[in-house]
Amino acid sequence: MQDKYEIHYVKNGLKKVVVTNRNGMNWLEAWKAALLIDGTCAGATVGLRCIDDAMARAGESGISKVRWNKASHIVSWSERARLDESRLLVTQID
Protein backbone atom coordinates (compact mmCIF):
# COMPACT_ATOMS: atom_id res chain seq x y z
CA MET A 1 0.00 0.00 0.00
CA GLN A 2 1.27 3.44 -0.86
CA ASP A 3 1.45 6.26 1.65
CA LYS A 4 1.41 10.00 1.08
CA TYR A 5 4.59 11.93 1.77
CA GLU A 6 5.28 15.65 1.73
CA ILE A 7 8.50 16.72 0.05
CA HIS A 8 9.66 20.18 1.18
CA TYR A 9 12.48 21.92 -0.64
CA VAL A 10 13.84 25.33 -1.61
CA LYS A 11 14.23 26.20 -5.30
CA ASN A 12 16.24 29.37 -5.93
CA GLY A 13 15.12 30.85 -2.61
CA LEU A 14 11.43 29.89 -2.90
CA LYS A 15 9.93 27.24 -0.63
CA LYS A 16 8.00 24.46 -2.35
CA VAL A 17 5.91 21.61 -0.96
CA VAL A 18 4.62 18.66 -2.95
CA VAL A 19 2.65 15.60 -1.90
CA THR A 20 3.61 12.29 -3.51
CA ASN A 21 2.44 8.69 -3.16
CA ARG A 22 5.19 6.16 -2.48
CA ASN A 23 5.67 2.71 -0.98
CA GLY A 24 8.32 4.17 1.29
CA MET A 25 10.55 7.20 1.65
CA ASN A 26 14.13 7.94 2.64
CA TRP A 27 16.49 10.88 2.25
CA LEU A 28 17.87 9.78 -1.12
CA GLU A 29 14.37 9.25 -2.52
CA ALA A 30 13.29 12.67 -1.21
CA TRP A 31 16.16 14.41 -3.03
CA LYS A 32 15.41 12.44 -6.20
CA ALA A 33 11.71 13.30 -5.91
CA ALA A 34 12.53 17.01 -5.60
CA LEU A 35 14.62 16.75 -8.77
CA LEU A 36 11.84 14.95 -10.65
CA ILE A 37 9.16 17.35 -9.46
CA ASP A 38 11.33 20.24 -10.59
CA GLY A 39 11.49 18.81 -14.11
CA THR A 40 14.73 16.82 -14.19
CA CYS A 41 14.56 13.92 -16.64
CA ALA A 42 13.80 10.63 -14.88
CA GLY A 43 16.76 9.01 -16.63
CA ALA A 44 19.11 11.50 -14.99
CA THR A 45 18.06 10.36 -11.51
CA VAL A 46 18.25 6.59 -12.08
CA GLY A 47 22.03 6.51 -11.64
CA LEU A 48 21.98 8.47 -8.38
CA ARG A 49 22.95 5.87 -5.77
CA CYS A 50 24.11 8.04 -2.88
CA ILE A 51 22.75 11.15 -1.27
CA ASP A 52 25.90 13.17 -1.99
CA ASP A 53 25.42 12.68 -5.74
CA ALA A 54 21.73 13.60 -5.49
CA MET A 55 22.52 16.73 -3.47
CA ALA A 56 25.17 17.79 -5.99
CA ARG A 57 22.77 17.31 -8.91
CA ALA A 58 20.06 19.21 -7.03
CA GLY A 59 22.48 22.04 -6.30
CA GLU A 60 23.11 22.40 -10.03
CA SER A 61 19.35 22.91 -10.45
CA GLY A 62 19.07 25.43 -7.62
CA ILE A 63 17.43 22.96 -5.22
CA SER A 64 18.45 22.87 -1.56
CA LYS A 65 17.16 22.11 1.93
CA VAL A 66 15.12 19.02 1.03
CA ARG A 67 13.16 17.35 3.81
CA TRP A 68 10.25 14.95 3.93
CA ASN A 69 7.56 13.70 6.27
CA LYS A 70 4.65 11.30 6.15
CA ALA A 71 1.55 13.24 5.19
CA SER A 72 -1.10 11.50 7.23
CA HIS A 73 -3.02 14.75 7.70
CA ILE A 74 -3.39 15.59 4.00
CA VAL A 75 -6.87 16.05 2.59
CA SER A 76 -7.34 15.74 -1.16
CA TRP A 77 -8.05 18.90 -3.16
CA SER A 78 -11.60 17.80 -3.96
CA GLU A 79 -12.32 17.03 -0.30
CA ARG A 80 -10.88 20.40 0.74
CA ALA A 81 -12.98 22.25 -1.86
CA ARG A 82 -16.13 20.48 -0.72
CA LEU A 83 -15.40 21.33 2.93
CA ASP A 84 -14.66 24.96 2.05
CA GLU A 85 -17.95 25.29 0.14
CA SER A 86 -19.93 24.37 3.22
CA ARG A 87 -17.99 26.86 5.36
CA LEU A 88 -18.19 29.85 3.02
CA LEU A 89 -20.27 32.68 4.36
CA VAL A 90 -21.66 34.75 1.52
CA THR A 91 -23.33 38.08 2.11
CA GLN A 92 -25.27 39.72 -0.67
CA ILE A 93 -24.69 43.46 -0.94
CA ASP A 94 -27.39 45.50 -2.69
PDB file of N, CA and C in Angstrom:
ATOM      1  N   MET A   1       0.828  -1.182   0.000  1.00  0.00           N
ATOM      2  CA  MET A   1       0.000   0.000   0.000  1.00  0.00           C
ATOM      3  C   MET A   1       0.879   1.254   0.000  1.00  0.00           C
ATOM      4  N   GLN A   2       0.502   2.208  -0.798  1.00  0.00           N
ATOM      5  CA  GLN A   2       1.270   3.445  -0.864  1.00  0.00           C
ATOM      6  C   GLN A   2       0.799   4.441   0.190  1.00  0.00           C
ATOM      7  N   ASP A   3       1.746   5.202   0.696  1.00  0.00           N
ATOM      8  CA  ASP A   3       1.451   6.262   1.651  1.00  0.00           C
ATOM      9  C   ASP A   3       1.727   7.601   0.990  1.00  0.00           C
ATOM     10  N   LYS A   4       1.156   8.647   1.572  1.00  0.00           N
ATOM     11  CA  LYS A   4       1.407   9.996   1.082  1.00  0.00           C
ATOM     12  C   LYS A   4       2.553  10.606   1.875  1.00  0.00           C
ATOM     13  N   TYR A   5       3.450  11.258   1.153  1.00  0.00           N
ATOM     14  CA  TYR A   5       4.587  11.934   1.769  1.00  0.00           C
ATOM     15  C   TYR A   5       4.655  13.362   1.253  1.00  0.00           C
ATOM     16  N   GLU A   6       5.023  14.272   2.132  1.00  0.00           N
ATOM     17  CA  GLU A   6       5.280  15.646   1.734  1.00  0.00           C
ATOM     18  C   GLU A   6       6.773  15.801   1.491  1.00  0.00           C
ATOM     19  N   ILE A   7       7.114  16.391   0.369  1.00  0.00           N
ATOM     20  CA  ILE A   7       8.501  16.721   0.054  1.00  0.00           C
ATOM     21  C   ILE A   7       8.598  18.246   0.127  1.00  0.00           C
ATOM     22  N   HIS A   8       9.427  18.742   1.026  1.00  0.00           N
ATOM     23  CA  HIS A   8       9.655  20.180   1.181  1.00  0.00           C
ATOM     24  C   HIS A   8      11.050  20.481   0.647  1.00  0.00           C
ATOM     25  N   TYR A   9      11.165  21.527  -0.154  1.00  0.00           N
ATOM     26  CA  TYR A   9      12.484  21.924  -0.637  1.00  0.00           C
ATOM     27  C   TYR A   9      12.488  23.407  -1.000  1.00  0.00           C
ATOM     28  N   VAL A  10      13.675  23.935  -1.204  1.00  0.00           N
ATOM     29  CA  VAL A  10      13.839  25.329  -1.607  1.00  0.00           C
ATOM     30  C   VAL A  10      14.422  25.338  -3.016  1.00  0.00           C
ATOM     31  N   LYS A  11      13.772  26.072  -3.902  1.00  0.00           N
ATOM     32  CA  LYS A  11      14.233  26.203  -5.296  1.00  0.00           C
ATOM     33  C   LYS A  11      14.539  27.674  -5.549  1.00  0.00           C
ATOM     34  N   ASN A  12      15.812  27.994  -5.688  1.00  0.00           N
ATOM     35  CA  ASN A  12      16.241  29.374  -5.932  1.00  0.00           C
ATOM     36  C   ASN A  12      15.634  30.358  -4.935  1.00  0.00           C
ATOM     37  N   GLY A  13      15.603  29.969  -3.669  1.00  0.00           N
ATOM     38  CA  GLY A  13      15.119  30.850  -2.610  1.00  0.00           C
ATOM     39  C   GLY A  13      13.634  30.765  -2.318  1.00  0.00           C
ATOM     40  N   LEU A  14      12.867  30.024  -3.110  1.00  0.00           N
ATOM     41  CA  LEU A  14      11.427  29.889  -2.900  1.00  0.00           C
ATOM     42  C   LEU A  14      11.104  28.521  -2.317  1.00  0.00           C
ATOM     43  N   LYS A  15      10.314  28.505  -1.246  1.00  0.00           N
ATOM     44  CA  LYS A  15       9.927  27.238  -0.627  1.00  0.00           C
ATOM     45  C   LYS A  15       8.855  26.563  -1.470  1.00  0.00           C
ATOM     46  N   LYS A  16       8.985  25.251  -1.601  1.00  0.00           N
ATOM     47  CA  LYS A  16       8.003  24.456  -2.345  1.00  0.00           C
ATOM     48  C   LYS A  16       7.650  23.230  -1.525  1.00  0.00           C
ATOM     49  N   VAL A  17       6.392  22.817  -1.633  1.00  0.00           N
ATOM     50  CA  VAL A  17       5.914  21.612  -0.955  1.00  0.00           C
ATOM     51  C   VAL A  17       5.086  20.823  -1.956  1.00  0.00           C
ATOM     52  N   VAL A  18       5.359  19.534  -2.047  1.00  0.00           N
ATOM     53  CA  VAL A  18       4.623  18.661  -2.954  1.00  0.00           C
ATOM     54  C   VAL A  18       4.257  17.394  -2.203  1.00  0.00           C
ATOM     55  N   VAL A  19       3.080  16.863  -2.490  1.00  0.00           N
ATOM     56  CA  VAL A  19       2.647  15.597  -1.900  1.00  0.00           C
ATOM     57  C   VAL A  19       2.795  14.513  -2.959  1.00  0.00           C
ATOM     58  N   THR A  20       3.396  13.397  -2.578  1.00  0.00           N
ATOM     59  CA  THR A  20       3.606  12.290  -3.506  1.00  0.00           C
ATOM     60  C   THR A  20       3.196  10.976  -2.844  1.00  0.00           C
ATOM     61  N   ASN A  21       2.781  10.025  -3.646  1.00  0.00           N
ATOM     62  CA  ASN A  21       2.437   8.687  -3.158  1.00  0.00           C
ATOM     63  C   ASN A  21       3.620   7.760  -3.411  1.00  0.00           C
ATOM     64  N   ARG A  22       4.055   7.081  -2.376  1.00  0.00           N
ATOM     65  CA  ARG A  22       5.193   6.160  -2.485  1.00  0.00           C
ATOM     66  C   ARG A  22       4.985   4.970  -1.567  1.00  0.00           C
ATOM     67  N   ASN A  23       5.683   3.882  -1.863  1.00  0.00           N
ATOM     68  CA  ASN A  23       5.669   2.712  -0.982  1.00  0.00           C
ATOM     69  C   ASN A  23       6.522   2.934   0.251  1.00  0.00           C
ATOM     70  N   GLY A  24       7.442   3.844   0.177  1.00  0.00           N
ATOM     71  CA  GLY A  24       8.325   4.174   1.289  1.00  0.00           C
ATOM     72  C   GLY A  24       9.122   5.405   0.920  1.00  0.00           C
ATOM     73  N   MET A  25       9.772   5.992   1.908  1.00  0.00           N
ATOM     74  CA  MET A  25      10.546   7.200   1.645  1.00  0.00           C
ATOM     75  C   MET A  25      11.815   7.169   2.474  1.00  0.00           C
ATOM     76  N   ASN A  26      12.871   7.733   1.919  1.00  0.00           N
ATOM     77  CA  ASN A  26      14.126   7.938   2.641  1.00  0.00           C
ATOM     78  C   ASN A  26      14.748   9.217   2.098  1.00  0.00           C
ATOM     79  N   TRP A  27      15.892   9.604   2.653  1.00  0.00           N
ATOM     80  CA  TRP A  27      16.491  10.876   2.251  1.00  0.00           C
ATOM     81  C   TRP A  27      16.898  10.900   0.786  1.00  0.00           C
ATOM     82  N   LEU A  28      17.473   9.821   0.289  1.00  0.00           N
ATOM     83  CA  LEU A  28      17.873   9.781  -1.116  1.00  0.00           C
ATOM     84  C   LEU A  28      16.655   9.919  -2.019  1.00  0.00           C
ATOM     85  N   GLU A  29      15.590   9.181  -1.709  1.00  0.00           N
ATOM     86  CA  GLU A  29      14.369   9.254  -2.517  1.00  0.00           C
ATOM     87  C   GLU A  29      13.738  10.640  -2.469  1.00  0.00           C
ATOM     88  N   ALA A  30      13.836  11.317  -1.338  1.00  0.00           N
ATOM     89  CA  ALA A  30      13.291  12.674  -1.215  1.00  0.00           C
ATOM     90  C   ALA A  30      14.040  13.641  -2.129  1.00  0.00           C
ATOM     91  N   TRP A  31      15.371  13.552  -2.148  1.00  0.00           N
ATOM     92  CA  TRP A  31      16.158  14.415  -3.028  1.00  0.00           C
ATOM     93  C   TRP A  31      15.859  14.103  -4.492  1.00  0.00           C
ATOM     94  N   LYS A  32      15.736  12.818  -4.823  1.00  0.00           N
ATOM     95  CA  LYS A  32      15.412  12.440  -6.196  1.00  0.00           C
ATOM     96  C   LYS A  32      14.014  12.921  -6.578  1.00  0.00           C
ATOM     97  N   ALA A  33      13.068  12.833  -5.643  1.00  0.00           N
ATOM     98  CA  ALA A  33      11.709  13.303  -5.907  1.00  0.00           C
ATOM     99  C   ALA A  33      11.698  14.805  -6.164  1.00  0.00           C
ATOM    100  N   ALA A  34      12.455  15.562  -5.389  1.00  0.00           N
ATOM    101  CA  ALA A  34      12.531  17.012  -5.603  1.00  0.00           C
ATOM    102  C   ALA A  34      13.072  17.319  -6.999  1.00  0.00           C
ATOM    103  N   LEU A  35      14.075  16.566  -7.426  1.00  0.00           N
ATOM    104  CA  LEU A  35      14.617  16.747  -8.774  1.00  0.00           C
ATOM    105  C   LEU A  35      13.563  16.447  -9.841  1.00  0.00           C
ATOM    106  N   LEU A  36      12.853  15.333  -9.676  1.00  0.00           N
ATOM    107  CA  LEU A  36      11.837  14.945 -10.653  1.00  0.00           C
ATOM    108  C   LEU A  36      10.694  15.948 -10.695  1.00  0.00           C
ATOM    109  N   ILE A  37      10.249  16.384  -9.539  1.00  0.00           N
ATOM    110  CA  ILE A  37       9.157  17.353  -9.456  1.00  0.00           C
ATOM    111  C   ILE A  37       9.565  18.654 -10.136  1.00  0.00           C
ATOM    112  N   ASP A  38      10.819  19.002 -10.006  1.00  0.00           N
ATOM    113  CA  ASP A  38      11.330  20.242 -10.589  1.00  0.00           C
ATOM    114  C   ASP A  38      11.522  20.142 -12.100  1.00  0.00           C
ATOM    115  N   GLY A  39      11.421  18.954 -12.664  1.00  0.00           N
ATOM    116  CA  GLY A  39      11.494  18.809 -14.112  1.00  0.00           C
ATOM    117  C   GLY A  39      12.720  18.096 -14.639  1.00  0.00           C
ATOM    118  N   THR A  40      13.560  17.583 -13.754  1.00  0.00           N
ATOM    119  CA  THR A  40      14.728  16.818 -14.195  1.00  0.00           C
ATOM    120  C   THR A  40      14.259  15.522 -14.852  1.00  0.00           C
ATOM    121  N   CYS A  41      14.894  15.148 -15.931  1.00  0.00           N
ATOM    122  CA  CYS A  41      14.560  13.918 -16.642  1.00  0.00           C
ATOM    123  C   CYS A  41      14.719  12.713 -15.714  1.00  0.00           C
ATOM    124  N   ALA A  42      13.760  11.808 -15.750  1.00  0.00           N
ATOM    125  CA  ALA A  42      13.801  10.627 -14.881  1.00  0.00           C
ATOM    126  C   ALA A  42      15.073   9.816 -15.103  1.00  0.00           C
ATOM    127  N   GLY A  43      15.544   9.752 -16.333  1.00  0.00           N
ATOM    128  CA  GLY A  43      16.761   9.007 -16.632  1.00  0.00           C
ATOM    129  C   GLY A  43      17.994   9.570 -15.938  1.00  0.00           C
ATOM    130  N   ALA A  44      17.962  10.861 -15.649  1.00  0.00           N
ATOM    131  CA  ALA A  44      19.107  11.496 -14.989  1.00  0.00           C
ATOM    132  C   ALA A  44      19.176  11.156 -13.504  1.00  0.00           C
ATOM    133  N   THR A  45      18.069  10.682 -12.937  1.00  0.00           N
ATOM    134  CA  THR A  45      18.055  10.358 -11.506  1.00  0.00           C
ATOM    135  C   THR A  45      18.265   8.870 -11.236  1.00  0.00           C
ATOM    136  N   VAL A  46      18.132   8.038 -12.263  1.00  0.00           N
ATOM    137  CA  VAL A  46      18.254   6.587 -12.075  1.00  0.00           C
ATOM    138  C   VAL A  46      19.630   6.206 -11.546  1.00  0.00           C
ATOM    139  N   GLY A  47      20.666   6.849 -12.035  1.00  0.00           N
ATOM    140  CA  GLY A  47      22.029   6.509 -11.639  1.00  0.00           C
ATOM    141  C   GLY A  47      22.464   7.082 -10.300  1.00  0.00           C
ATOM    142  N   LEU A  48      21.618   7.878  -9.671  1.00  0.00           N
ATOM    143  CA  LEU A  48      21.983   8.471  -8.380  1.00  0.00           C
ATOM    144  C   LEU A  48      21.836   7.419  -7.289  1.00  0.00           C
ATOM    145  N   ARG A  49      22.957   6.949  -6.756  1.00  0.00           N
ATOM    146  CA  ARG A  49      22.949   5.866  -5.771  1.00  0.00           C
ATOM    147  C   ARG A  49      23.266   6.330  -4.356  1.00  0.00           C
ATOM    148  N   CYS A  50      23.819   7.540  -4.224  1.00  0.00           N
ATOM    149  CA  CYS A  50      24.112   8.036  -2.875  1.00  0.00           C
ATOM    150  C   CYS A  50      23.614   9.470  -2.742  1.00  0.00           C
ATOM    151  N   ILE A  51      23.353   9.845  -1.525  1.00  0.00           N
ATOM    152  CA  ILE A  51      22.751  11.150  -1.267  1.00  0.00           C
ATOM    153  C   ILE A  51      23.664  12.296  -1.684  1.00  0.00           C
ATOM    154  N   ASP A  52      24.972  12.113  -1.578  1.00  0.00           N
ATOM    155  CA  ASP A  52      25.904  13.174  -1.986  1.00  0.00           C
ATOM    156  C   ASP A  52      25.763  13.498  -3.472  1.00  0.00           C
ATOM    157  N   ASP A  53      25.606  12.464  -4.302  1.00  0.00           N
ATOM    158  CA  ASP A  53      25.417  12.682  -5.740  1.00  0.00           C
ATOM    159  C   ASP A  53      24.093  13.392  -6.011  1.00  0.00           C
ATOM    160  N   ALA A  54      23.045  12.978  -5.306  1.00  0.00           N
ATOM    161  CA  ALA A  54      21.731  13.598  -5.487  1.00  0.00           C
ATOM    162  C   ALA A  54      21.758  15.066  -5.059  1.00  0.00           C
ATOM    163  N   MET A  55      22.430  15.354  -3.951  1.00  0.00           N
ATOM    164  CA  MET A  55      22.522  16.731  -3.467  1.00  0.00           C
ATOM    165  C   MET A  55      23.320  17.601  -4.444  1.00  0.00           C
ATOM    166  N   ALA A  56      24.373  17.040  -5.016  1.00  0.00           N
ATOM    167  CA  ALA A  56      25.171  17.791  -5.991  1.00  0.00           C
ATOM    168  C   ALA A  56      24.348  18.099  -7.239  1.00  0.00           C
ATOM    169  N   ARG A  57      23.617  17.102  -7.732  1.00  0.00           N
ATOM    170  CA  ARG A  57      22.766  17.307  -8.913  1.00  0.00           C
ATOM    171  C   ARG A  57      21.677  18.332  -8.608  1.00  0.00           C
ATOM    172  N   ALA A  58      21.095  18.252  -7.417  1.00  0.00           N
ATOM    173  CA  ALA A  58      20.059  19.207  -7.028  1.00  0.00           C
ATOM    174  C   ALA A  58      20.632  20.620  -6.936  1.00  0.00           C
ATOM    175  N   GLY A  59      21.832  20.735  -6.397  1.00  0.00           N
ATOM    176  CA  GLY A  59      22.478  22.040  -6.295  1.00  0.00           C
ATOM    177  C   GLY A  59      22.665  22.696  -7.651  1.00  0.00           C
ATOM    178  N   GLU A  60      22.966  21.888  -8.662  1.00  0.00           N
ATOM    179  CA  GLU A  60      23.110  22.403 -10.032  1.00  0.00           C
ATOM    180  C   GLU A  60      21.794  22.970 -10.549  1.00  0.00           C
ATOM    181  N   SER A  61      20.678  22.456 -10.034  1.00  0.00           N
ATOM    182  CA  SER A  61      19.350  22.913 -10.455  1.00  0.00           C
ATOM    183  C   SER A  61      18.777  23.983  -9.532  1.00  0.00           C
ATOM    184  N   GLY A  62      19.552  24.401  -8.543  1.00  0.00           N
ATOM    185  CA  GLY A  62      19.071  25.434  -7.620  1.00  0.00           C
ATOM    186  C   GLY A  62      18.206  24.905  -6.500  1.00  0.00           C
ATOM    187  N   ILE A  63      18.245  23.583  -6.270  1.00  0.00           N
ATOM    188  CA  ILE A  63      17.432  22.956  -5.225  1.00  0.00           C
ATOM    189  C   ILE A  63      18.287  22.737  -3.988  1.00  0.00           C
ATOM    190  N   SER A  64      17.735  23.076  -2.826  1.00  0.00           N
ATOM    191  CA  SER A  64      18.446  22.868  -1.563  1.00  0.00           C
ATOM    192  C   SER A  64      17.440  22.599  -0.449  1.00  0.00           C
ATOM    193  N   LYS A  65      17.945  22.282   0.702  1.00  0.00           N
ATOM    194  CA  LYS A  65      17.160  22.114   1.931  1.00  0.00           C
ATOM    195  C   LYS A  65      15.957  21.184   1.749  1.00  0.00           C
ATOM    196  N   VAL A  66      16.198  20.001   1.232  1.00  0.00           N
ATOM    197  CA  VAL A  66      15.124  19.025   1.035  1.00  0.00           C
ATOM    198  C   VAL A  66      14.847  18.307   2.349  1.00  0.00           C
ATOM    199  N   ARG A  67      13.571  18.164   2.671  1.00  0.00           N
ATOM    200  CA  ARG A  67      13.158  17.351   3.813  1.00  0.00           C
ATOM    201  C   ARG A  67      11.855  16.670   3.441  1.00  0.00           C
ATOM    202  N   TRP A  68      11.481  15.680   4.225  1.00  0.00           N
ATOM    203  CA  TRP A  68      10.251  14.950   3.934  1.00  0.00           C
ATOM    204  C   TRP A  68       9.589  14.526   5.227  1.00  0.00           C
ATOM    205  N   ASN A  69       8.293  14.267   5.148  1.00  0.00           N
ATOM    206  CA  ASN A  69       7.556  13.703   6.271  1.00  0.00           C
ATOM    207  C   ASN A  69       6.333  12.964   5.732  1.00  0.00           C
ATOM    208  N   LYS A  70       5.850  12.034   6.522  1.00  0.00           N
ATOM    209  CA  LYS A  70       4.652  11.295   6.151  1.00  0.00           C
ATOM    210  C   LYS A  70       3.465  12.235   6.279  1.00  0.00           C
ATOM    211  N   ALA A  71       2.644  12.273   5.260  1.00  0.00           N
ATOM    212  CA  ALA A  71       1.554  13.241   5.188  1.00  0.00           C
ATOM    213  C   ALA A  71       0.230  12.598   5.571  1.00  0.00           C
ATOM    214  N   SER A  72       0.119  12.166   6.788  1.00  0.00           N
ATOM    215  CA  SER A  72      -1.105  11.498   7.232  1.00  0.00           C
ATOM    216  C   SER A  72      -2.264  12.465   7.391  1.00  0.00           C
ATOM    217  N   HIS A  73      -1.981  13.751   7.470  1.00  0.00           N
ATOM    218  CA  HIS A  73      -3.021  14.748   7.696  1.00  0.00           C
ATOM    219  C   HIS A  73      -3.533  15.385   6.409  1.00  0.00           C
ATOM    220  N   ILE A  74      -3.053  14.953   5.267  1.00  0.00           N
ATOM    221  CA  ILE A  74      -3.389  15.589   3.996  1.00  0.00           C
ATOM    222  C   ILE A  74      -4.802  15.212   3.562  1.00  0.00           C
ATOM    223  N   VAL A  75      -5.541  16.229   3.156  1.00  0.00           N
ATOM    224  CA  VAL A  75      -6.874  16.047   2.593  1.00  0.00           C
ATOM    225  C   VAL A  75      -6.750  16.326   1.099  1.00  0.00           C
ATOM    226  N   SER A  76      -7.434  15.536   0.286  1.00  0.00           N
ATOM    227  CA  SER A  76      -7.339  15.741  -1.158  1.00  0.00           C
ATOM    228  C   SER A  76      -7.949  17.088  -1.538  1.00  0.00           C
ATOM    229  N   TRP A  77      -7.554  17.595  -2.717  1.00  0.00           N
ATOM    230  CA  TRP A  77      -8.050  18.902  -3.158  1.00  0.00           C
ATOM    231  C   TRP A  77      -9.569  18.900  -3.283  1.00  0.00           C
ATOM    232  N   SER A  78     -10.148  17.835  -3.795  1.00  0.00           N
ATOM    233  CA  SER A  78     -11.604  17.797  -3.958  1.00  0.00           C
ATOM    234  C   SER A  78     -12.302  17.775  -2.606  1.00  0.00           C
ATOM    235  N   GLU A  79     -11.738  17.040  -1.644  1.00  0.00           N
ATOM    236  CA  GLU A  79     -12.318  17.030  -0.299  1.00  0.00           C
ATOM    237  C   GLU A  79     -12.212  18.406   0.343  1.00  0.00           C
ATOM    238  N   ARG A  80     -11.071  19.063   0.165  1.00  0.00           N
ATOM    239  CA  ARG A  80     -10.877  20.396   0.744  1.00  0.00           C
ATOM    240  C   ARG A  80     -11.852  21.399   0.126  1.00  0.00           C
ATOM    241  N   ALA A  81     -12.061  21.335  -1.191  1.00  0.00           N
ATOM    242  CA  ALA A  81     -12.980  22.253  -1.860  1.00  0.00           C
ATOM    243  C   ALA A  81     -14.405  22.038  -1.368  1.00  0.00           C
ATOM    244  N   ARG A  82     -14.781  20.779  -1.204  1.00  0.00           N
ATOM    245  CA  ARG A  82     -16.126  20.476  -0.716  1.00  0.00           C
ATOM    246  C   ARG A  82     -16.316  21.001   0.702  1.00  0.00           C
ATOM    247  N   LEU A  83     -15.321  20.827   1.563  1.00  0.00           N
ATOM    248  CA  LEU A  83     -15.401  21.333   2.930  1.00  0.00           C
ATOM    249  C   LEU A  83     -15.454  22.854   2.948  1.00  0.00           C
ATOM    250  N   ASP A  84     -14.674  23.504   2.095  1.00  0.00           N
ATOM    251  CA  ASP A  84     -14.661  24.964   2.048  1.00  0.00           C
ATOM    252  C   ASP A  84     -15.992  25.519   1.564  1.00  0.00           C
ATOM    253  N   GLU A  85     -16.645  24.828   0.630  1.00  0.00           N
ATOM    254  CA  GLU A  85     -17.946  25.287   0.142  1.00  0.00           C
ATOM    255  C   GLU A  85     -18.961  25.372   1.267  1.00  0.00           C
ATOM    256  N   SER A  86     -18.947  24.381   2.139  1.00  0.00           N
ATOM    257  CA  SER A  86     -19.932  24.365   3.217  1.00  0.00           C
ATOM    258  C   SER A  86     -19.613  25.388   4.300  1.00  0.00           C
ATOM    259  N   ARG A  87     -18.377  25.879   4.343  1.00  0.00           N
ATOM    260  CA  ARG A  87     -17.986  26.857   5.359  1.00  0.00           C
ATOM    261  C   ARG A  87     -18.047  28.295   4.870  1.00  0.00           C
ATOM    262  N   LEU A  88     -18.195  28.494   3.558  1.00  0.00           N
ATOM    263  CA  LEU A  88     -18.194  29.846   3.019  1.00  0.00           C
ATOM    264  C   LEU A  88     -19.421  30.621   3.477  1.00  0.00           C
ATOM    265  N   LEU A  89     -19.180  31.788   3.980  1.00  0.00           N
ATOM    266  CA  LEU A  89     -20.270  32.678   4.358  1.00  0.00           C
ATOM    267  C   LEU A  89     -20.364  33.756   3.290  1.00  0.00           C
ATOM    268  N   VAL A  90     -21.486  33.792   2.605  1.00  0.00           N
ATOM    269  CA  VAL A  90     -21.664  34.749   1.524  1.00  0.00           C
ATOM    270  C   VAL A  90     -22.718  35.749   1.936  1.00  0.00           C
ATOM    271  N   THR A  91     -22.392  37.017   1.797  1.00  0.00           N
ATOM    272  CA  THR A  91     -23.333  38.083   2.111  1.00  0.00           C
ATOM    273  C   THR A  91     -23.622  38.841   0.833  1.00  0.00           C
ATOM    274  N   GLN A  92     -24.888  38.991   0.532  1.00  0.00           N
ATOM    275  CA  GLN A  92     -25.267  39.720  -0.668  1.00  0.00           C
ATOM    276  C   GLN A  92     -25.337  41.204  -0.334  1.00  0.00           C
ATOM    277  N   ILE A  93     -24.680  42.011  -1.148  1.00  0.00           N
ATOM    278  CA  ILE A  93     -24.687  43.459  -0.945  1.00  0.00           C
ATOM    279  C   ILE A  93     -25.501  44.079  -2.063  1.00  0.00           C
ATOM    280  N   ASP A  94     -26.527  44.846  -1.685  1.00  0.00           N
ATOM    281  CA  ASP A  94     -27.387  45.504  -2.694  1.00  0.00           C
ATOM    282  C   ASP A  94     -27.015  46.946  -2.887  1.00  0.00           C
TER     283      ASP A  94
END
